[in-house]
């Protein structure tokens, strides 16, 4: 059998990893007519993990996330912008390094059409999140809370979670059309040139 070039095999493998995942997590977009994506996104990987493309991801169902001030924001309000949806927790050692970097990233991307939505899954909510961020000196990043697992846990016997926690931290990229483009499980320096290239790839018209 003829062997495919390494790049072609790599692209096929990335697309095949979770070809049916979108239908399990984001079922709302069946039949939706959406503009095509660009060519393959730039690669983002570490020694332990890599960005996983969600093949055929549909438009995300309306879902609210809670800010630490109690206000609830619908993710669809960010339509037209790329969303980096990052799940973290105070008990997660890598998160202590990644969360301050997300604040740096927010400053680096000021004026660009990319939104940072950093969601704590701590069950105690504000009572543990605020002192944690204070200790880290994180003051300009807008923290979001999901203590009840609305985003990451099944909300009924026949329901599936909107987002699965394959590791901690874990970050999902939602493109400017509201489609889940993929995820990165594990620690990532989102201020790195490779990460910035990936985010800007999805932000470009």
N, C-alpha and C. Protein backbone atom coordinates (compact mmCIF):
# COMPACT_ATOMS: atom_id res chain seq x y z
N UNK A 1 0.85 -1.20 0.00
CA UNK A 1 0.00 0.00 0.00
C UNK A 1 0.89 1.24 0.00
N UNK A 2 0.51 2.24 -0.80
CA UNK A 2 1.31 3.46 -0.88
C UNK A 2 1.22 4.22 0.44
N UNK A 3 2.34 4.67 0.95
CA UNK A 3 2.39 5.41 2.20
C UNK A 3 2.16 6.89 1.93
N UNK A 4 1.27 7.50 2.73
CA UNK A 4 1.04 8.92 2.62
C UNK A 4 2.21 9.69 3.20
N UNK A 5 2.50 10.88 2.70
CA UNK A 5 3.53 11.71 3.32
C UNK A 5 3.21 11.96 4.78
N UNK A 6 4.25 12.18 5.59
CA UNK A 6 4.06 12.33 7.04
C UNK A 6 3.07 13.43 7.37
N UNK A 7 3.16 14.61 6.71
CA UNK A 7 2.24 15.71 6.99
C UNK A 7 0.80 15.31 6.72
N UNK A 8 0.58 14.59 5.59
CA UNK A 8 -0.78 14.18 5.26
C UNK A 8 -1.32 13.21 6.30
N UNK A 9 -0.45 12.25 6.74
CA UNK A 9 -0.90 11.32 7.77
C UNK A 9 -1.22 12.04 9.07
N UNK A 10 -0.39 13.04 9.41
CA UNK A 10 -0.60 13.79 10.64
C UNK A 10 -1.93 14.52 10.62
N UNK A 11 -2.25 15.17 9.47
CA UNK A 11 -3.50 15.91 9.36
C UNK A 11 -4.69 14.98 9.44
N UNK A 12 -4.57 13.82 8.77
CA UNK A 12 -5.67 12.86 8.82
C UNK A 12 -5.89 12.36 10.23
N UNK A 13 -4.80 12.09 10.94
CA UNK A 13 -4.93 11.59 12.31
C UNK A 13 -5.60 12.62 13.20
N UNK A 14 -5.20 13.90 13.06
CA UNK A 14 -5.78 14.93 13.91
C UNK A 14 -7.27 15.06 13.67
N UNK A 15 -7.66 14.94 12.40
CA UNK A 15 -9.08 15.09 12.10
C UNK A 15 -9.89 13.88 12.53
N UNK A 16 -9.24 12.74 12.55
CA UNK A 16 -9.97 11.50 12.84
C UNK A 16 -10.10 11.22 14.32
N UNK A 17 -9.32 11.91 15.15
CA UNK A 17 -9.30 11.60 16.58
C UNK A 17 -10.69 11.66 17.17
N UNK A 18 -11.41 12.75 16.86
CA UNK A 18 -12.74 12.90 17.45
C UNK A 18 -13.74 13.31 16.38
N UNK A 19 -13.74 12.63 15.28
CA UNK A 19 -14.61 12.99 14.19
C UNK A 19 -16.08 13.06 14.57
N UNK A 20 -16.50 12.22 15.51
CA UNK A 20 -17.90 12.24 15.91
C UNK A 20 -18.15 12.99 17.18
N UNK A 21 -17.14 13.62 17.75
CA UNK A 21 -17.29 14.25 19.07
C UNK A 21 -18.27 15.40 19.04
N UNK A 22 -18.24 16.18 17.94
CA UNK A 22 -19.10 17.35 17.90
C UNK A 22 -20.57 16.98 18.05
N UNK A 23 -20.99 15.87 17.49
CA UNK A 23 -22.39 15.48 17.58
C UNK A 23 -22.79 15.08 18.99
N UNK A 24 -21.79 14.73 19.82
CA UNK A 24 -22.08 14.36 21.21
C UNK A 24 -22.16 15.58 22.11
N UNK A 25 -21.31 16.60 21.82
CA UNK A 25 -21.21 17.71 22.74
C UNK A 25 -22.00 18.92 22.26
N UNK A 26 -22.05 19.14 20.94
CA UNK A 26 -22.70 20.34 20.42
C UNK A 26 -23.73 19.94 19.37
N UNK A 27 -24.89 19.42 19.79
CA UNK A 27 -25.85 18.85 18.84
C UNK A 27 -26.77 19.88 18.20
N UNK A 28 -26.61 21.18 18.52
CA UNK A 28 -27.62 22.14 18.12
C UNK A 28 -27.51 22.60 16.68
N UNK A 29 -26.43 22.26 15.99
CA UNK A 29 -26.19 22.90 14.71
C UNK A 29 -26.43 22.01 13.51
N UNK A 30 -27.16 20.92 13.68
CA UNK A 30 -27.39 20.02 12.56
C UNK A 30 -28.14 20.77 11.46
N UNK A 31 -27.57 20.75 10.27
CA UNK A 31 -28.22 21.41 9.15
C UNK A 31 -27.91 22.88 9.04
N UNK A 32 -27.13 23.45 9.98
CA UNK A 32 -26.82 24.87 9.92
C UNK A 32 -25.91 25.16 8.73
N UNK A 33 -26.18 26.23 8.03
CA UNK A 33 -25.35 26.65 6.90
C UNK A 33 -24.32 27.64 7.40
N UNK A 34 -23.06 27.24 7.43
CA UNK A 34 -22.02 28.08 7.97
C UNK A 34 -20.94 28.30 6.91
N UNK A 35 -20.25 29.45 6.97
CA UNK A 35 -19.13 29.67 6.04
C UNK A 35 -18.04 28.64 6.26
N UNK A 36 -17.34 28.22 5.22
CA UNK A 36 -16.27 27.24 5.40
C UNK A 36 -15.11 27.82 6.17
N UNK A 37 -14.39 26.97 6.89
CA UNK A 37 -13.18 27.40 7.57
C UNK A 37 -12.05 27.56 6.56
N UNK A 38 -10.98 28.21 7.03
CA UNK A 38 -9.81 28.33 6.19
C UNK A 38 -9.12 26.97 6.10
N UNK A 39 -7.93 26.97 5.47
CA UNK A 39 -7.14 25.75 5.41
C UNK A 39 -6.73 25.35 6.82
N UNK A 40 -6.00 24.25 6.92
CA UNK A 40 -5.67 23.68 8.22
C UNK A 40 -5.01 24.69 9.15
N UNK A 41 -5.41 24.72 10.42
CA UNK A 41 -4.83 25.66 11.38
C UNK A 41 -3.38 25.32 11.69
N UNK A 42 -2.61 26.30 12.15
CA UNK A 42 -1.22 26.01 12.54
C UNK A 42 -1.18 25.05 13.71
N UNK A 43 -0.14 24.26 13.77
CA UNK A 43 -0.02 23.24 14.82
C UNK A 43 0.33 23.88 16.15
N UNK A 44 -0.27 23.36 17.21
CA UNK A 44 0.06 23.78 18.58
C UNK A 44 0.22 22.53 19.41
N UNK A 45 1.42 22.31 19.94
CA UNK A 45 1.67 21.10 20.72
C UNK A 45 2.75 21.35 21.75
N UNK A 46 2.75 20.48 22.76
CA UNK A 46 3.83 20.41 23.74
C UNK A 46 4.30 18.96 23.75
N UNK A 47 5.21 18.64 24.66
CA UNK A 47 5.69 17.26 24.76
C UNK A 47 4.58 16.33 25.22
N UNK A 48 3.55 16.86 25.87
CA UNK A 48 2.50 16.02 26.45
C UNK A 48 1.15 16.11 25.75
N UNK A 49 0.94 17.16 25.01
CA UNK A 49 -0.40 17.36 24.45
C UNK A 49 -0.32 18.15 23.16
N UNK A 50 -1.47 18.24 22.48
CA UNK A 50 -1.55 19.04 21.27
C UNK A 50 -2.98 19.51 21.08
N UNK A 51 -3.15 20.55 20.26
CA UNK A 51 -4.48 21.06 19.96
C UNK A 51 -5.22 20.04 19.12
N UNK A 52 -6.40 19.67 19.58
CA UNK A 52 -7.24 18.68 18.90
C UNK A 52 -8.36 19.39 18.17
N UNK A 53 -8.42 19.21 16.86
CA UNK A 53 -9.47 19.83 16.06
C UNK A 53 -10.77 19.05 16.23
N UNK A 54 -11.86 19.77 16.42
CA UNK A 54 -13.18 19.14 16.46
C UNK A 54 -13.76 19.19 15.05
N UNK A 55 -13.79 18.06 14.39
CA UNK A 55 -14.26 18.01 13.00
C UNK A 55 -15.77 18.22 12.94
N UNK A 56 -16.19 19.12 12.08
CA UNK A 56 -17.62 19.34 11.88
C UNK A 56 -18.32 19.95 13.06
N UNK A 57 -17.61 20.74 13.86
CA UNK A 57 -18.23 21.35 15.04
C UNK A 57 -19.37 22.27 14.65
N UNK A 58 -20.50 22.12 15.33
CA UNK A 58 -21.66 22.95 15.05
C UNK A 58 -21.68 24.19 15.90
N UNK A 59 -22.68 25.04 15.65
CA UNK A 59 -22.83 26.26 16.42
C UNK A 59 -23.21 25.91 17.86
N UNK A 60 -22.50 26.51 18.80
CA UNK A 60 -22.73 26.23 20.20
C UNK A 60 -24.12 26.68 20.63
N UNK A 61 -24.83 25.84 21.38
CA UNK A 61 -26.13 26.21 21.91
C UNK A 61 -25.99 27.40 22.86
N UNK A 62 -27.03 28.24 23.01
CA UNK A 62 -26.95 29.36 23.95
C UNK A 62 -26.62 28.84 25.36
N UNK A 63 -25.63 29.44 25.98
CA UNK A 63 -25.23 29.02 27.32
C UNK A 63 -24.67 30.23 28.06
N UNK A 64 -25.04 30.36 29.33
CA UNK A 64 -24.59 31.47 30.15
C UNK A 64 -23.41 31.07 31.02
N UNK A 65 -22.50 32.00 31.21
CA UNK A 65 -21.42 31.82 32.18
C UNK A 65 -21.52 32.94 33.19
N UNK A 66 -21.19 32.65 34.44
CA UNK A 66 -21.36 33.61 35.53
C UNK A 66 -20.04 34.31 35.85
N UNK A 67 -20.08 35.63 35.88
CA UNK A 67 -18.92 36.38 36.31
C UNK A 67 -18.86 36.41 37.83
N UNK A 68 -17.70 36.78 38.37
CA UNK A 68 -17.54 36.77 39.82
C UNK A 68 -18.41 37.84 40.49
N UNK A 69 -18.83 38.86 39.72
CA UNK A 69 -19.72 39.88 40.28
C UNK A 69 -21.18 39.45 40.23
N UNK A 70 -21.44 38.22 39.77
CA UNK A 70 -22.80 37.69 39.75
C UNK A 70 -23.52 37.85 38.42
N UNK A 71 -22.99 38.67 37.53
CA UNK A 71 -23.65 38.88 36.24
C UNK A 71 -23.42 37.67 35.35
N UNK A 72 -24.46 37.27 34.62
CA UNK A 72 -24.38 36.13 33.72
C UNK A 72 -24.26 36.63 32.28
N UNK A 73 -23.33 36.02 31.53
CA UNK A 73 -23.05 36.42 30.16
C UNK A 73 -23.30 35.24 29.24
N UNK A 74 -24.07 35.46 28.18
CA UNK A 74 -24.31 34.42 27.18
C UNK A 74 -23.10 34.37 26.25
N UNK A 75 -22.53 33.18 26.07
CA UNK A 75 -21.37 33.05 25.20
C UNK A 75 -21.67 33.53 23.77
N UNK A 76 -22.93 33.44 23.37
CA UNK A 76 -23.28 33.88 22.01
C UNK A 76 -23.12 35.38 21.85
N UNK A 77 -23.03 36.13 22.96
CA UNK A 77 -22.83 37.58 22.87
C UNK A 77 -21.43 37.91 22.34
N UNK A 78 -20.54 36.91 22.31
CA UNK A 78 -19.20 37.11 21.78
C UNK A 78 -19.11 36.75 20.30
N UNK A 79 -20.25 36.46 19.66
CA UNK A 79 -20.25 36.11 18.25
C UNK A 79 -19.55 37.20 17.43
N UNK A 80 -18.72 36.79 16.51
CA UNK A 80 -17.90 37.74 15.76
C UNK A 80 -16.50 37.86 16.32
N UNK A 81 -16.30 37.28 17.52
CA UNK A 81 -15.00 37.26 18.16
C UNK A 81 -14.61 35.80 18.43
N UNK A 82 -13.33 35.53 18.46
CA UNK A 82 -12.86 34.21 18.87
C UNK A 82 -12.84 34.17 20.39
N UNK A 83 -13.30 33.07 20.96
CA UNK A 83 -13.31 32.91 22.42
C UNK A 83 -12.34 31.81 22.81
N UNK A 84 -11.42 32.15 23.72
CA UNK A 84 -10.58 31.13 24.35
C UNK A 84 -11.25 30.83 25.69
N UNK A 85 -11.94 29.69 25.75
CA UNK A 85 -12.69 29.28 26.93
C UNK A 85 -11.81 28.33 27.74
N UNK A 86 -11.25 28.85 28.83
CA UNK A 86 -10.26 28.10 29.60
C UNK A 86 -10.83 27.70 30.95
N UNK A 87 -10.84 26.39 31.24
CA UNK A 87 -11.31 25.88 32.51
C UNK A 87 -10.11 25.64 33.44
N UNK A 88 -10.23 26.10 34.69
CA UNK A 88 -9.13 25.99 35.64
C UNK A 88 -9.71 25.83 37.05
N UNK A 89 -8.83 25.58 38.03
CA UNK A 89 -9.25 25.43 39.41
C UNK A 89 -8.10 25.83 40.33
N UNK A 90 -8.43 26.26 41.53
CA UNK A 90 -7.41 26.69 42.49
C UNK A 90 -6.55 25.53 42.96
N UNK A 91 -7.06 24.30 42.91
CA UNK A 91 -6.32 23.13 43.38
C UNK A 91 -5.43 22.52 42.30
N UNK A 92 -5.42 23.13 41.13
CA UNK A 92 -4.67 22.60 39.98
C UNK A 92 -3.32 23.33 39.87
N UNK A 93 -2.19 22.64 40.18
CA UNK A 93 -0.88 23.31 40.15
C UNK A 93 -0.55 24.00 38.83
N UNK A 94 -0.75 23.35 37.66
CA UNK A 94 -0.43 24.06 36.42
C UNK A 94 -1.27 25.32 36.21
N UNK A 95 -2.49 25.33 36.78
CA UNK A 95 -3.36 26.50 36.62
C UNK A 95 -2.74 27.73 37.29
N UNK A 96 -1.95 27.51 38.34
CA UNK A 96 -1.31 28.64 39.03
C UNK A 96 -0.33 29.35 38.13
N UNK A 97 0.19 28.64 37.14
CA UNK A 97 1.07 29.27 36.17
C UNK A 97 0.29 29.81 34.97
N UNK A 98 -0.76 29.08 34.58
CA UNK A 98 -1.46 29.45 33.36
C UNK A 98 -2.37 30.66 33.54
N UNK A 99 -3.04 30.77 34.68
CA UNK A 99 -3.99 31.88 34.87
C UNK A 99 -3.32 33.25 34.75
N UNK A 100 -2.16 33.48 35.39
CA UNK A 100 -1.49 34.78 35.18
C UNK A 100 -1.12 35.02 33.72
N UNK A 101 -0.78 33.95 33.00
CA UNK A 101 -0.46 34.09 31.59
C UNK A 101 -1.70 34.49 30.77
N UNK A 102 -2.87 34.03 31.21
CA UNK A 102 -4.11 34.43 30.53
C UNK A 102 -4.34 35.93 30.69
N UNK A 103 -3.99 36.45 31.86
CA UNK A 103 -4.11 37.90 32.07
C UNK A 103 -3.14 38.65 31.15
N UNK A 104 -1.93 38.13 31.03
CA UNK A 104 -0.97 38.73 30.10
C UNK A 104 -1.47 38.66 28.66
N UNK A 105 -2.07 37.52 28.32
CA UNK A 105 -2.60 37.34 26.97
C UNK A 105 -3.69 38.36 26.68
N UNK A 106 -4.56 38.58 27.65
CA UNK A 106 -5.64 39.55 27.49
C UNK A 106 -5.08 40.94 27.16
N UNK A 107 -3.99 41.32 27.85
CA UNK A 107 -3.36 42.61 27.59
C UNK A 107 -2.71 42.63 26.20
N UNK A 108 -2.10 41.52 25.81
CA UNK A 108 -1.42 41.44 24.51
C UNK A 108 -2.42 41.55 23.35
N UNK A 109 -3.63 41.05 23.56
CA UNK A 109 -4.62 40.99 22.49
C UNK A 109 -5.60 42.15 22.52
N UNK A 110 -5.32 43.15 23.35
CA UNK A 110 -6.23 44.30 23.44
C UNK A 110 -6.41 44.91 22.05
N UNK A 111 -7.66 45.10 21.67
CA UNK A 111 -7.97 45.65 20.35
C UNK A 111 -8.19 44.61 19.28
N UNK A 112 -7.85 43.35 19.57
CA UNK A 112 -8.09 42.27 18.61
C UNK A 112 -9.41 41.57 18.94
N UNK A 113 -9.95 40.86 17.97
CA UNK A 113 -11.25 40.23 18.15
C UNK A 113 -11.11 38.84 18.76
N UNK A 114 -10.51 38.82 19.96
CA UNK A 114 -10.30 37.57 20.69
C UNK A 114 -10.66 37.82 22.15
N UNK A 115 -11.53 36.99 22.71
CA UNK A 115 -12.02 37.15 24.08
C UNK A 115 -11.49 36.01 24.95
N UNK A 116 -10.99 36.37 26.14
CA UNK A 116 -10.51 35.37 27.10
C UNK A 116 -11.59 35.13 28.14
N UNK A 117 -12.10 33.92 28.22
CA UNK A 117 -13.12 33.56 29.21
C UNK A 117 -12.53 32.45 30.08
N UNK A 118 -12.01 32.84 31.23
CA UNK A 118 -11.34 31.91 32.14
C UNK A 118 -12.33 31.50 33.23
N UNK A 119 -12.73 30.23 33.22
CA UNK A 119 -13.81 29.74 34.08
C UNK A 119 -13.26 28.84 35.19
N UNK A 120 -13.47 29.24 36.44
CA UNK A 120 -13.10 28.40 37.57
C UNK A 120 -14.19 27.36 37.81
N UNK A 121 -13.77 26.11 38.04
CA UNK A 121 -14.75 25.06 38.35
C UNK A 121 -14.78 24.74 39.85
N UNK A 122 -14.13 25.59 40.66
CA UNK A 122 -14.12 25.37 42.11
C UNK A 122 -15.54 25.39 42.67
N UNK A 123 -15.90 24.40 43.46
CA UNK A 123 -17.26 24.30 43.98
C UNK A 123 -17.58 25.38 44.99
N UNK A 124 -16.56 25.94 45.64
CA UNK A 124 -16.79 27.00 46.63
C UNK A 124 -16.89 28.38 46.00
N UNK A 125 -16.68 28.47 44.70
CA UNK A 125 -16.89 29.71 43.98
C UNK A 125 -16.01 30.86 44.45
N UNK A 126 -16.64 32.03 44.59
CA UNK A 126 -15.93 33.28 44.89
C UNK A 126 -15.09 33.19 46.15
N UNK A 127 -15.55 32.46 47.16
CA UNK A 127 -14.86 32.42 48.46
C UNK A 127 -13.44 31.87 48.35
N UNK A 128 -13.17 31.03 47.35
CA UNK A 128 -11.81 30.53 47.17
C UNK A 128 -11.13 31.16 45.95
N UNK A 129 -11.92 31.56 44.97
CA UNK A 129 -11.35 32.10 43.74
C UNK A 129 -10.74 33.49 43.97
N UNK A 130 -11.44 34.36 44.69
CA UNK A 130 -10.93 35.72 44.88
C UNK A 130 -9.60 35.74 45.63
N UNK A 131 -9.47 35.08 46.80
CA UNK A 131 -8.16 35.11 47.46
C UNK A 131 -7.05 34.44 46.65
N UNK A 132 -7.42 33.43 45.86
CA UNK A 132 -6.44 32.76 45.00
C UNK A 132 -5.89 33.75 43.96
N UNK A 133 -6.77 34.47 43.30
CA UNK A 133 -6.34 35.44 42.30
C UNK A 133 -5.56 36.58 42.94
N UNK A 134 -5.97 36.99 44.14
CA UNK A 134 -5.24 38.04 44.85
C UNK A 134 -3.80 37.62 45.14
N UNK A 135 -3.63 36.37 45.56
CA UNK A 135 -2.28 35.88 45.86
C UNK A 135 -1.41 35.86 44.61
N UNK A 136 -2.03 35.57 43.46
CA UNK A 136 -1.29 35.52 42.21
C UNK A 136 -1.06 36.92 41.61
N UNK A 137 -1.73 37.92 42.17
CA UNK A 137 -1.63 39.26 41.63
C UNK A 137 -2.41 39.44 40.34
N UNK A 138 -3.41 38.59 40.13
CA UNK A 138 -4.25 38.67 38.92
C UNK A 138 -5.43 39.59 39.23
N UNK A 139 -5.44 40.76 38.62
CA UNK A 139 -6.46 41.76 38.94
C UNK A 139 -7.22 42.28 37.73
N UNK A 140 -6.68 42.08 36.53
CA UNK A 140 -7.32 42.64 35.34
C UNK A 140 -8.04 41.59 34.50
N UNK A 141 -7.80 40.32 34.77
CA UNK A 141 -8.50 39.25 34.06
C UNK A 141 -9.89 39.08 34.67
N UNK A 142 -10.92 39.05 33.83
CA UNK A 142 -12.28 38.87 34.32
C UNK A 142 -12.51 37.39 34.64
N UNK A 143 -12.70 37.04 35.92
CA UNK A 143 -12.91 35.63 36.26
C UNK A 143 -14.38 35.22 36.12
N UNK A 144 -14.58 34.02 35.63
CA UNK A 144 -15.92 33.44 35.52
C UNK A 144 -15.98 32.21 36.42
N UNK A 145 -17.19 31.84 36.83
CA UNK A 145 -17.38 30.75 37.79
C UNK A 145 -18.35 29.71 37.26
N UNK A 146 -18.07 28.45 37.55
CA UNK A 146 -19.01 27.37 37.24
C UNK A 146 -18.98 26.34 38.38
N UNK A 147 -19.36 26.77 39.60
CA UNK A 147 -19.25 25.87 40.76
C UNK A 147 -20.20 24.67 40.69
N UNK A 148 -21.30 24.81 39.97
CA UNK A 148 -22.27 23.72 39.87
C UNK A 148 -22.03 22.80 38.70
N UNK A 149 -21.00 23.08 37.90
CA UNK A 149 -20.71 22.22 36.76
C UNK A 149 -21.70 22.33 35.63
N UNK A 150 -22.35 23.48 35.48
CA UNK A 150 -23.33 23.65 34.41
C UNK A 150 -22.71 23.42 33.04
N UNK A 151 -21.47 23.83 32.87
CA UNK A 151 -20.81 23.71 31.57
C UNK A 151 -20.12 22.37 31.37
N UNK A 152 -19.72 21.74 32.46
CA UNK A 152 -18.83 20.57 32.35
C UNK A 152 -19.42 19.28 32.88
N UNK A 153 -20.63 19.31 33.41
CA UNK A 153 -21.26 18.10 33.92
C UNK A 153 -22.63 17.92 33.29
N UNK A 154 -23.04 16.68 33.10
CA UNK A 154 -24.36 16.39 32.55
C UNK A 154 -25.43 16.89 33.51
N UNK A 155 -26.43 17.59 32.97
CA UNK A 155 -27.47 18.19 33.81
C UNK A 155 -28.75 17.37 33.84
N UNK A 156 -28.66 16.09 33.53
CA UNK A 156 -29.82 15.21 33.57
C UNK A 156 -29.40 13.81 33.19
N UNK A 157 -30.26 12.81 33.43
CA UNK A 157 -29.89 11.42 33.17
C UNK A 157 -29.56 11.13 31.70
N UNK A 158 -30.18 11.86 30.78
CA UNK A 158 -29.94 11.62 29.36
C UNK A 158 -29.14 12.74 28.71
N UNK A 159 -28.64 13.66 29.53
CA UNK A 159 -27.91 14.82 29.00
C UNK A 159 -26.41 14.54 28.92
N UNK A 160 -25.74 15.32 28.11
CA UNK A 160 -24.29 15.25 28.00
C UNK A 160 -23.72 16.61 28.37
N UNK A 161 -22.53 16.66 28.91
CA UNK A 161 -21.93 17.96 29.24
C UNK A 161 -21.64 18.76 27.98
N UNK A 162 -21.72 20.07 28.10
CA UNK A 162 -21.39 20.93 26.96
C UNK A 162 -19.91 20.84 26.63
N UNK A 163 -19.08 20.80 27.69
CA UNK A 163 -17.63 20.72 27.51
C UNK A 163 -17.09 19.63 28.43
N UNK A 164 -16.23 18.80 27.90
CA UNK A 164 -15.67 17.70 28.68
C UNK A 164 -14.29 18.09 29.22
N UNK A 165 -14.04 17.69 30.46
CA UNK A 165 -12.76 17.97 31.09
C UNK A 165 -11.85 16.77 30.93
N UNK A 166 -11.08 16.76 29.85
CA UNK A 166 -10.15 15.67 29.60
C UNK A 166 -8.88 15.82 30.42
N UNK A 167 -8.69 16.96 31.03
CA UNK A 167 -7.52 17.25 31.85
C UNK A 167 -7.71 18.62 32.45
N UNK A 168 -6.78 19.04 33.30
CA UNK A 168 -6.83 20.37 33.89
C UNK A 168 -5.44 20.98 33.87
N UNK A 169 -5.37 22.23 33.39
CA UNK A 169 -6.44 23.01 32.77
C UNK A 169 -6.78 22.46 31.39
N UNK A 170 -7.89 22.94 30.85
CA UNK A 170 -8.24 22.59 29.47
C UNK A 170 -8.88 23.82 28.84
N UNK A 171 -8.51 24.09 27.60
CA UNK A 171 -9.00 25.29 26.92
C UNK A 171 -9.64 24.91 25.58
N UNK A 172 -10.81 25.48 25.34
CA UNK A 172 -11.52 25.31 24.08
C UNK A 172 -11.44 26.60 23.28
N UNK A 173 -11.31 26.48 21.98
CA UNK A 173 -11.39 27.64 21.10
C UNK A 173 -12.73 27.61 20.39
N UNK A 174 -13.48 28.70 20.53
CA UNK A 174 -14.75 28.87 19.83
C UNK A 174 -14.51 29.93 18.76
N UNK A 175 -14.76 29.59 17.50
CA UNK A 175 -14.43 30.52 16.43
C UNK A 175 -15.43 31.67 16.36
N UNK A 176 -15.19 32.61 15.46
CA UNK A 176 -15.99 33.83 15.40
C UNK A 176 -17.41 33.58 14.91
N UNK A 177 -17.68 32.36 14.38
CA UNK A 177 -19.03 32.00 13.96
C UNK A 177 -19.79 31.26 15.07
N UNK A 178 -19.14 31.08 16.23
CA UNK A 178 -19.79 30.40 17.35
C UNK A 178 -19.63 28.89 17.32
N UNK A 179 -18.70 28.39 16.50
CA UNK A 179 -18.45 26.95 16.44
C UNK A 179 -17.27 26.58 17.32
N UNK A 180 -17.36 25.43 17.99
CA UNK A 180 -16.23 24.93 18.76
C UNK A 180 -15.22 24.36 17.77
N UNK A 181 -14.05 25.00 17.72
CA UNK A 181 -13.03 24.61 16.75
C UNK A 181 -12.16 23.47 17.24
N UNK A 182 -11.91 23.41 18.55
CA UNK A 182 -11.05 22.37 19.09
C UNK A 182 -10.67 22.68 20.53
N UNK A 183 -9.79 21.86 21.08
CA UNK A 183 -9.40 22.06 22.48
C UNK A 183 -7.95 21.64 22.69
N UNK A 184 -7.40 22.18 23.77
CA UNK A 184 -6.05 21.81 24.20
C UNK A 184 -6.14 21.39 25.66
N UNK A 185 -5.81 20.13 25.95
CA UNK A 185 -5.89 19.60 27.32
C UNK A 185 -4.50 19.65 27.95
N UNK A 186 -4.40 20.34 29.08
CA UNK A 186 -3.13 20.46 29.77
C UNK A 186 -2.61 21.88 29.74
N UNK A 187 -1.48 22.08 30.37
CA UNK A 187 -0.91 23.41 30.49
C UNK A 187 -0.37 23.91 29.15
N UNK A 188 -0.66 25.16 28.85
CA UNK A 188 -0.17 25.79 27.63
C UNK A 188 0.16 27.24 27.92
N UNK A 189 1.27 27.71 27.42
CA UNK A 189 1.60 29.12 27.50
C UNK A 189 0.90 29.81 26.33
N UNK A 190 -0.27 30.40 26.59
CA UNK A 190 -1.07 31.01 25.53
C UNK A 190 -0.50 32.33 25.05
N UNK A 191 0.59 32.79 25.68
CA UNK A 191 1.27 33.99 25.18
C UNK A 191 2.39 33.63 24.20
N UNK A 192 2.63 32.35 23.98
CA UNK A 192 3.72 31.92 23.10
C UNK A 192 3.38 32.25 21.64
N UNK A 193 4.39 32.39 20.79
CA UNK A 193 4.13 32.67 19.37
C UNK A 193 3.24 31.63 18.70
N UNK A 194 3.43 30.35 19.03
CA UNK A 194 2.62 29.30 18.40
C UNK A 194 1.16 29.42 18.80
N UNK A 195 0.90 29.72 20.09
CA UNK A 195 -0.48 29.87 20.55
C UNK A 195 -1.13 31.10 19.94
N UNK A 196 -0.38 32.18 19.85
CA UNK A 196 -0.91 33.40 19.24
C UNK A 196 -1.25 33.18 17.77
N UNK A 197 -0.42 32.43 17.07
CA UNK A 197 -0.71 32.13 15.66
C UNK A 197 -2.03 31.37 15.53
N UNK A 198 -2.24 30.41 16.43
CA UNK A 198 -3.47 29.62 16.36
C UNK A 198 -4.71 30.50 16.64
N UNK A 199 -4.64 31.31 17.67
CA UNK A 199 -5.78 32.17 18.01
C UNK A 199 -6.07 33.15 16.88
N UNK A 200 -5.04 33.73 16.31
CA UNK A 200 -5.23 34.71 15.24
C UNK A 200 -5.69 34.05 13.94
N UNK A 201 -5.34 32.79 13.76
CA UNK A 201 -5.83 32.04 12.61
C UNK A 201 -7.36 32.02 12.62
N UNK A 202 -7.94 31.74 13.78
CA UNK A 202 -9.40 31.67 13.87
C UNK A 202 -10.04 33.06 13.89
N UNK A 203 -9.26 34.08 14.27
CA UNK A 203 -9.82 35.44 14.32
C UNK A 203 -9.80 36.11 12.96
N UNK A 204 -8.92 35.67 12.06
CA UNK A 204 -8.82 36.31 10.74
C UNK A 204 -10.08 36.06 9.94
N UNK A 205 -10.57 37.09 9.23
CA UNK A 205 -11.79 36.91 8.40
C UNK A 205 -11.48 36.05 7.17
